[in-house]
Amino acid sequence: MLDLFRNDPDYKAIKNELESLTTEIMNITPKTSPQYQQFKRNMIEWSKKFDKAVEIGGKVSSVQKLQLVTKEPKLISIIKMFRYLALVESVGTTLIDLIILLLTACGKTFHIEQTHELPRVVHASSLRDLQSPNVTLAAKLGFLERNGLRATSRLIDRKLRNDIAHLNFNINGDGKISIKNKNINIDQKLNRFNKIFMFITVVLSESSLGKFWQEQQERKT
């Protein structure tokens, strides 16, 4: 199966985007520098959140079992729509946060505008910074695109995410979904999310960054 998707254009594009990024990170010297030590702390913090996100994402995916016990098309479509939203808000945004942390480790600056605090603009340097209510999903995905990670940023369909979150959709009695009179194939959206998510995680795990993280995990045991 791995050999099949390695020829997928999306996989090739994501690999091309992320390989150079992970290589640049692992070439940061010296390893005692504040930059590298911050990167290590971010990885540890992020890993804890990702483990939780994966657990939640797994439970969300298990919700699809409800589709087997109901014959109501409209309910099935509702389940699928909120599965997409939950996957985005758990494993999706967590994975995007990791990519942003990798970019900042390489010297890219992620600006956070604070409405009621000083200074008005700060630079994100940790996962906690990215979880600020001042940081929008649009800002995160835009940051990836501006730094040449367009294919990677397509993990999340932000418009669909927002439409589901704000209930800007209609489902007829046959279970067909539409947003502003445009039909939506939610199965296709779910499959694409899962595919891009898999591509990103495989590329990262097989990179020098993945080897580094595996070594860190082995040292704990």
Protein backbone atom coordinates (compact mmCIF):
# COMPACT_ATOMS: atom_id res chain seq x y z
CA MET A 1 0.00 0.00 0.00
CA LEU A 2 2.87 2.37 0.84
CA ASP A 3 4.36 1.88 -2.61
CA LEU A 4 1.04 2.78 -4.22
CA PHE A 5 0.59 6.13 -2.48
CA ARG A 6 4.21 7.17 -2.94
CA ASN A 7 3.28 7.88 -6.55
CA ASP A 8 0.36 10.07 -5.51
CA PRO A 9 0.93 13.73 -6.58
CA ASP A 10 -0.17 14.96 -3.14
CA TYR A 11 2.35 12.69 -1.42
CA LYS A 12 5.16 13.84 -3.70
CA ALA A 13 4.31 17.49 -3.11
CA ILE A 14 4.15 17.09 0.67
CA LYS A 15 7.39 15.14 0.75
CA ASN A 16 9.11 17.81 -1.30
CA GLU A 17 7.88 20.53 1.08
CA LEU A 18 8.68 18.82 4.38
CA GLU A 19 11.95 16.99 3.70
CA SER A 20 14.04 20.13 3.34
CA LEU A 21 12.36 21.60 6.43
CA THR A 22 13.15 18.63 8.67
CA THR A 23 16.70 18.41 7.34
CA GLU A 24 17.27 22.10 8.14
CA ILE A 25 16.08 21.56 11.71
CA MET A 26 18.38 18.62 12.34
CA ASN A 27 21.30 20.69 11.05
CA ILE A 28 20.82 23.35 13.74
CA THR A 29 24.10 23.75 15.61
CA PRO A 30 25.28 23.75 18.26
CA LYS A 31 22.88 21.32 19.96
CA THR A 32 23.32 23.31 23.16
CA SER A 33 22.00 26.50 21.54
CA PRO A 34 18.82 28.08 22.95
CA GLN A 35 17.19 27.58 19.54
CA TYR A 36 17.78 23.83 19.56
CA GLN A 37 16.82 23.41 23.21
CA GLN A 38 13.56 25.27 22.58
CA PHE A 39 12.91 22.94 19.66
CA LYS A 40 13.39 19.89 21.90
CA ARG A 41 11.04 21.27 24.56
CA ASN A 42 8.44 21.99 21.90
CA MET A 43 8.69 18.44 20.58
CA ILE A 44 8.12 16.97 24.03
CA GLU A 45 5.18 19.26 24.72
CA TRP A 46 3.67 18.64 21.30
CA SER A 47 4.01 14.86 21.61
CA LYS A 48 1.86 14.84 24.73
CA LYS A 49 -0.85 16.82 23.00
CA PHE A 50 -0.67 14.69 19.87
CA ASP A 51 -1.08 11.47 21.86
CA LYS A 52 -4.25 12.90 23.37
CA ALA A 53 -5.44 14.15 19.98
CA VAL A 54 -4.91 10.71 18.43
CA GLU A 55 -6.88 9.11 21.25
CA ILE A 56 -9.74 11.54 20.71
CA GLY A 57 -9.50 11.18 16.95
CA GLY A 58 -9.76 7.42 17.31
CA LYS A 59 -12.91 7.73 19.37
CA VAL A 60 -14.34 10.15 16.85
CA SER A 61 -13.66 7.71 14.03
CA SER A 62 -15.43 4.97 15.98
CA VAL A 63 -18.57 7.10 15.82
CA GLN A 64 -18.94 5.91 12.23
CA LYS A 65 -20.15 2.61 13.71
CA LEU A 66 -23.41 4.44 14.39
CA GLN A 67 -23.88 4.56 10.64
CA LEU A 68 -24.29 0.80 10.68
CA VAL A 69 -27.16 0.84 13.14
CA THR A 70 -29.24 3.67 11.69
CA LYS A 71 -31.16 3.71 8.45
CA GLU A 72 -31.90 7.42 8.52
CA PRO A 73 -29.88 9.10 5.71
CA LYS A 74 -30.09 12.55 7.28
CA LEU A 75 -28.67 11.34 10.61
CA ILE A 76 -25.86 9.50 8.84
CA SER A 77 -24.88 12.71 7.02
CA ILE A 78 -24.95 14.70 10.26
CA ILE A 79 -22.65 12.13 11.88
CA LYS A 80 -20.21 12.41 8.97
CA MET A 81 -20.18 16.21 9.04
CA PHE A 82 -19.37 16.37 12.73
CA ARG A 83 -16.80 13.59 12.35
CA TYR A 84 -14.97 15.87 9.93
CA LEU A 85 -15.13 18.80 12.32
CA ALA A 86 -13.90 16.71 15.26
CA LEU A 87 -11.00 15.26 13.27
CA VAL A 88 -9.92 18.74 12.19
CA GLU A 89 -10.09 20.06 15.75
CA SER A 90 -8.16 17.12 17.22
CA VAL A 91 -5.45 15.55 15.06
CA GLY A 92 -5.72 18.10 12.24
CA THR A 93 -4.91 21.30 14.09
CA THR A 94 -2.37 19.51 16.29
CA LEU A 95 -0.44 18.37 13.24
CA ILE A 96 -0.57 21.87 11.75
CA ASP A 97 0.80 23.21 15.05
CA LEU A 98 3.78 20.88 14.71
CA ILE A 99 4.58 22.16 11.22
CA ILE A 100 4.46 25.74 12.52
CA LEU A 101 6.84 24.85 15.36
CA LEU A 102 9.21 23.32 12.82
CA LEU A 103 9.12 26.50 10.77
CA THR A 104 9.79 28.71 13.79
CA ALA A 105 12.70 26.44 14.75
CA CYS A 106 14.15 27.25 11.34
CA GLY A 107 13.90 30.96 12.00
CA LYS A 108 10.52 31.75 10.45
CA THR A 109 8.52 34.25 12.48
CA PHE A 110 4.88 33.58 13.36
CA HIS A 111 3.28 36.84 14.51
CA ILE A 112 0.46 36.88 17.07
CA GLU A 113 -1.55 40.06 17.38
CA GLN A 114 -2.84 40.63 20.91
CA THR A 115 -5.97 42.74 21.18
CA HIS A 116 -5.98 43.49 24.90
CA GLU A 117 -2.40 42.82 25.95
CA LEU A 118 1.03 44.36 25.55
CA PRO A 119 3.05 44.07 23.48
CA ARG A 120 0.50 44.16 20.66
CA VAL A 121 2.52 41.76 18.53
CA VAL A 122 4.47 38.77 19.85
CA HIS A 123 6.34 35.96 18.12
CA ALA A 124 5.20 32.40 18.77
CA SER A 125 7.93 30.19 20.18
CA SER A 126 5.97 27.39 21.88
CA LEU A 127 2.88 25.24 21.54
CA ARG A 128 1.22 27.29 24.26
CA ASP A 129 1.65 30.40 22.13
CA LEU A 130 -0.13 28.71 19.22
CA GLN A 131 -3.05 27.77 21.46
CA SER A 132 -3.75 31.41 22.25
CA PRO A 133 -7.32 32.52 21.43
CA ASN A 134 -5.69 35.27 19.33
CA VAL A 135 -4.40 32.67 16.87
CA THR A 136 -6.90 31.65 14.20
CA LEU A 137 -6.87 28.62 11.96
CA ALA A 138 -6.74 30.97 9.00
CA ALA A 139 -3.54 32.50 10.36
CA LYS A 140 -1.96 29.08 10.83
CA LEU A 141 -2.79 27.79 7.37
CA GLY A 142 -1.81 31.11 5.82
CA PHE A 143 1.58 30.90 7.54
CA LEU A 144 2.21 27.50 6.00
CA GLU A 145 1.25 28.73 2.54
CA ARG A 146 3.46 31.82 2.79
CA ASN A 147 6.39 29.59 3.68
CA GLY A 148 5.99 27.29 0.70
CA LEU A 149 3.94 24.52 2.34
CA ARG A 150 0.79 24.86 0.26
CA ALA A 151 0.25 21.11 -0.24
CA THR A 152 0.71 20.47 3.48
CA SER A 153 -1.74 23.24 4.40
CA ARG A 154 -4.44 21.51 2.37
CA LEU A 155 -4.86 18.98 5.16
CA ILE A 156 -7.74 21.13 6.39
CA ASP A 157 -10.58 22.54 4.32
CA ARG A 158 -11.04 25.67 6.42
CA LYS A 159 -14.21 26.79 4.67
CA LEU A 160 -15.88 23.43 5.25
CA ARG A 161 -14.71 23.41 8.85
CA ASN A 162 -16.24 26.84 9.43
CA ASP A 163 -19.49 25.97 7.67
CA ILE A 164 -19.94 22.89 9.86
CA ALA A 165 -19.02 24.73 13.06
CA HIS A 166 -21.52 27.49 12.30
CA LEU A 167 -24.19 25.10 10.99
CA ASN A 168 -24.10 26.72 7.56
CA PHE A 169 -25.29 23.61 5.76
CA ASN A 170 -28.50 21.86 4.79
CA ILE A 171 -29.29 18.15 4.63
CA ASN A 172 -32.38 16.92 2.81
CA GLY A 173 -34.36 13.80 3.61
CA ASP A 174 -32.15 11.68 1.36
CA GLY A 175 -29.04 12.73 3.28
CA LYS A 176 -27.66 14.94 0.53
CA ILE A 177 -25.60 17.83 1.94
CA SER A 178 -25.48 21.30 0.47
CA ILE A 179 -23.81 24.57 1.45
CA LYS A 180 -25.17 27.70 -0.22
CA ASN A 181 -26.96 25.51 -2.79
CA LYS A 182 -23.75 23.66 -3.65
CA ASN A 183 -23.70 19.91 -3.06
CA ILE A 184 -20.98 18.59 -0.74
CA ASN A 185 -19.54 15.07 -0.90
CA ILE A 186 -18.58 14.59 2.76
CA ASP A 187 -17.25 11.07 2.14
CA GLN A 188 -14.79 12.55 -0.33
CA LYS A 189 -13.81 15.25 2.18
CA LEU A 190 -13.25 12.69 4.95
CA ASN A 191 -11.19 10.44 2.68
CA ARG A 192 -9.03 13.36 1.56
CA PHE A 193 -8.41 14.48 5.14
CA ASN A 194 -7.34 10.95 6.11
CA LYS A 195 -5.13 10.65 3.05
CA ILE A 196 -3.30 13.95 3.55
CA PHE A 197 -2.96 13.27 7.28
CA MET A 198 -1.35 9.91 6.51
CA PHE A 199 0.99 11.44 3.92
CA ILE A 200 2.23 14.12 6.33
CA THR A 201 2.79 11.69 9.22
CA VAL A 202 4.60 9.17 7.01
CA VAL A 203 6.91 11.82 5.54
CA LEU A 204 7.74 13.16 9.00
CA SER A 205 8.26 9.72 10.54
CA GLU A 206 10.64 8.69 7.75
CA SER A 207 12.62 11.94 7.90
CA SER A 208 15.61 12.79 10.03
CA LEU A 209 13.15 14.39 12.44
CA GLY A 210 11.34 11.06 12.85
CA LYS A 211 14.59 9.28 13.61
CA PHE A 212 15.48 11.97 16.14
CA TRP A 213 12.14 11.64 17.91
CA GLN A 214 12.39 7.85 18.01
CA GLU A 215 15.78 8.14 19.69
CA GLN A 216 14.33 10.55 22.26
CA GLN A 217 11.50 8.14 23.03
CA GLU A 218 13.88 5.20 23.40
CA ARG A 219 15.97 7.13 25.93
CA LYS A 220 12.90 7.45 28.15
CA THR A 221 12.36 3.69 28.31
